Protein backbone atom coordinates (compact mmCIF):
# COMPACT_ATOMS: atom_id res chain seq x y z
CA UNK A 1 63.63 142.23 84.49
CA UNK A 2 60.65 140.84 86.20
CA UNK A 3 60.46 138.39 89.47
CA UNK A 4 59.87 135.22 87.27
CA UNK A 5 62.84 135.78 84.99
CA UNK A 6 64.98 136.60 88.06
CA UNK A 7 64.06 133.32 89.48
CA UNK A 8 65.00 131.59 86.43
CA UNK A 9 68.14 133.07 86.13
CA UNK A 10 68.79 132.46 89.93
CA UNK A 11 67.65 128.71 89.23
CA UNK A 12 69.92 128.39 86.25
CA UNK A 13 72.90 129.74 88.47
CA UNK A 14 72.05 126.94 91.00
CA UNK A 15 72.00 124.34 88.61
CA UNK A 16 75.14 125.38 86.75
CA UNK A 17 77.09 125.58 90.29
CA UNK A 18 75.74 122.11 91.27
CA UNK A 19 76.93 120.84 87.68
CA UNK A 20 80.44 122.39 88.30
CA UNK A 21 80.62 120.78 91.96
CA UNK A 22 79.64 117.28 90.65
CA UNK A 23 82.27 117.72 87.82
CA UNK A 24 85.15 118.65 90.22
CA UNK A 25 84.07 116.02 92.51
CA UNK A 26 84.46 113.25 89.64
CA UNK A 27 87.89 114.59 88.62
CA UNK A 28 89.21 114.78 91.91
CA UNK A 29 87.83 111.11 92.51
CA UNK A 30 89.47 110.15 89.29
CA UNK A 31 92.66 111.84 90.11
CA UNK A 32 92.65 110.25 93.57
CA UNK A 33 91.99 106.59 92.20
CA UNK A 34 94.83 106.95 89.66
CA UNK A 35 97.33 108.29 92.20
CA UNK A 36 96.12 105.23 94.43
CA UNK A 37 96.58 102.66 91.45
CA UNK A 38 100.21 104.40 90.88
CA UNK A 39 100.98 103.81 94.50
CA UNK A 40 99.89 100.20 94.73
CA UNK A 41 102.05 99.69 91.50
CA UNK A 42 104.97 101.43 92.78
CA UNK A 43 104.93 100.17 96.06
CA UNK A 44 104.28 96.51 94.89
CA UNK A 45 107.66 96.98 92.73
CA UNK A 46 109.56 98.19 95.40
CA UNK A 47 108.48 95.27 97.68
CA UNK A 48 109.33 92.71 95.12
CA UNK A 49 112.82 94.27 94.36
CA UNK A 50 113.28 94.15 98.12
CA UNK A 51 112.46 90.35 97.91
CA UNK A 52 114.66 89.79 95.01
CA UNK A 53 117.40 91.33 96.70
CA UNK A 54 117.00 88.83 99.80
CA UNK A 55 116.30 85.61 98.19
CA UNK A 56 119.55 85.98 96.26
CA UNK A 57 121.22 85.54 99.68
CA UNK A 58 122.13 82.00 101.60
CA UNK A 59 119.40 80.70 103.51
CA UNK A 60 121.10 81.04 106.92
CA UNK A 61 124.41 82.28 108.38
CA UNK A 62 125.54 78.70 108.77
CA UNK A 63 124.64 78.04 104.86
CA UNK A 64 126.74 80.70 103.47
CA UNK A 65 129.99 78.86 102.79
CA UNK A 66 128.77 75.19 103.62
CA UNK A 67 126.02 73.03 103.42
CA UNK A 68 124.41 72.11 106.62
CA UNK A 69 122.52 68.66 106.96
CA UNK A 70 120.94 69.48 110.71
CA UNK A 71 118.50 72.15 111.21
CA UNK A 72 119.78 72.40 114.60
CA UNK A 73 123.00 74.25 112.99
CA UNK A 74 120.44 77.03 111.87
CA UNK A 75 120.38 80.25 113.71
CA UNK A 76 118.47 80.20 116.78
CA UNK A 77 115.04 81.91 116.25
CA UNK A 78 115.94 84.62 118.83
CA UNK A 79 119.15 85.38 117.31
CA UNK A 80 117.58 86.20 113.77
CA UNK A 81 119.01 89.56 112.36
CA UNK A 82 122.45 90.79 110.81
CA UNK A 83 125.61 89.83 112.69
CA UNK A 84 127.70 92.49 114.54
CA UNK A 85 129.14 94.92 111.99
CA UNK A 86 126.96 94.07 109.12
CA UNK A 87 125.32 96.41 106.99
CA UNK A 88 122.56 96.23 104.43
CA UNK A 89 125.39 96.03 101.91
CA UNK A 90 127.31 93.33 103.36
CA UNK A 91 123.87 91.10 104.44
CA UNK A 92 124.67 87.34 103.26
CA UNK A 93 121.82 85.68 104.21
CA UNK A 94 118.03 85.79 104.30
CA UNK A 95 117.39 86.64 107.95
CA UNK A 96 120.09 89.37 108.19
CA UNK A 97 116.86 91.31 107.17
CA UNK A 98 114.72 90.72 110.18
CA UNK A 99 113.51 94.37 111.23
CA UNK A 100 115.39 95.55 108.18
CA UNK A 101 114.04 98.90 107.17
CA UNK A 102 114.75 101.39 104.66
CA UNK A 103 113.05 104.44 102.54
CA UNK A 104 113.33 104.36 99.06
CA UNK A 105 112.77 107.51 97.17
CA UNK A 106 110.63 106.98 93.73
CA UNK A 107 110.40 109.67 90.85
CA UNK A 108 106.60 109.98 90.99
CA UNK A 109 105.32 109.52 94.41
CA UNK A 110 108.36 110.47 96.48
CA UNK A 111 109.25 108.21 99.45
CA UNK A 112 108.08 104.47 99.83
CA UNK A 113 108.77 103.12 103.46
CA UNK A 114 109.73 99.37 103.53
CA UNK A 115 109.98 97.06 106.53
CA UNK A 116 111.14 93.46 106.56
CA UNK A 117 110.39 90.57 109.05
CA UNK A 118 111.77 86.98 108.83
CA UNK A 119 111.08 84.18 111.02
CA UNK A 120 111.14 80.52 110.82
CA UNK A 121 107.74 78.93 109.86
CA UNK A 122 106.31 75.27 109.81
CA UNK A 123 106.13 74.09 106.17
CA UNK A 124 102.51 72.77 106.90
CA UNK A 125 101.60 75.89 108.20
CA UNK A 126 103.57 78.65 106.76
CA UNK A 127 101.27 81.58 108.09
CA UNK A 128 102.37 81.01 111.59
CA UNK A 129 105.90 82.07 112.82
CA UNK A 130 107.64 79.27 115.00
CA UNK A 131 110.00 79.52 117.93
CA UNK A 132 112.32 76.54 116.50
CA UNK A 133 114.47 75.88 113.69
CA UNK A 134 113.05 74.79 110.78
CA UNK A 135 114.24 74.42 107.14
CA UNK A 136 111.57 77.28 105.84
CA UNK A 137 111.73 81.01 106.53
CA UNK A 138 109.03 83.44 106.02
CA UNK A 139 109.84 86.83 104.56
CA UNK A 140 107.21 89.49 104.89
CA UNK A 141 107.75 93.07 103.15
CA UNK A 142 105.34 95.75 104.35
CA UNK A 143 105.62 98.84 101.85
CA UNK A 144 103.89 102.26 102.95
CA UNK A 145 103.19 105.29 100.57
CA UNK A 146 101.16 108.31 101.84
CA UNK A 147 99.02 107.73 98.74
CA UNK A 148 98.16 104.24 100.00
CA UNK A 149 95.02 103.73 102.18
CA UNK A 150 97.02 100.91 103.96
CA UNK A 151 100.21 99.28 104.15
CA UNK A 152 100.81 96.60 101.49
CA UNK A 153 102.42 93.20 102.13
CA UNK A 154 104.24 90.79 100.10
CA UNK A 155 105.51 87.49 101.42
CA UNK A 156 108.40 85.13 100.19
CA UNK A 157 108.92 81.57 101.60
CA UNK A 158 112.81 80.40 101.61
CA UNK A 159 113.55 76.87 102.20
CA UNK A 160 116.70 75.03 102.60
């Protein structure tokens, strides 16, 4: 084999190696994108299930067993959260979920972390938490998976 044939074989080997690397990179990128899409779907589902549970509860501890006409009867903003002795299984109103966190095990993606925050908002500015009792609470559910580049957030507004 002369030098020119050897250079042709070497050049063909380098081109093949570059082609194989590009194919592998494309496959890995496709797998990452697919896994990320599954993570978005799964974490959104977990967040929505959490919201569905929360929205089935009463607006406030004061409204669990009776109707309230004066918003001053609602729980004070600095007292939002579950009452002494309550656990997630016995939460009975929306703000019991303030600072609630849990980990949900999923069959495909493993653990999804969930963190909930609840606070009063002004109905005309629902993105801003306020330090007074109002007839509207914002529920923010954050979910996180190692397969997501960032935390996924869903919001729900409960009004009375």
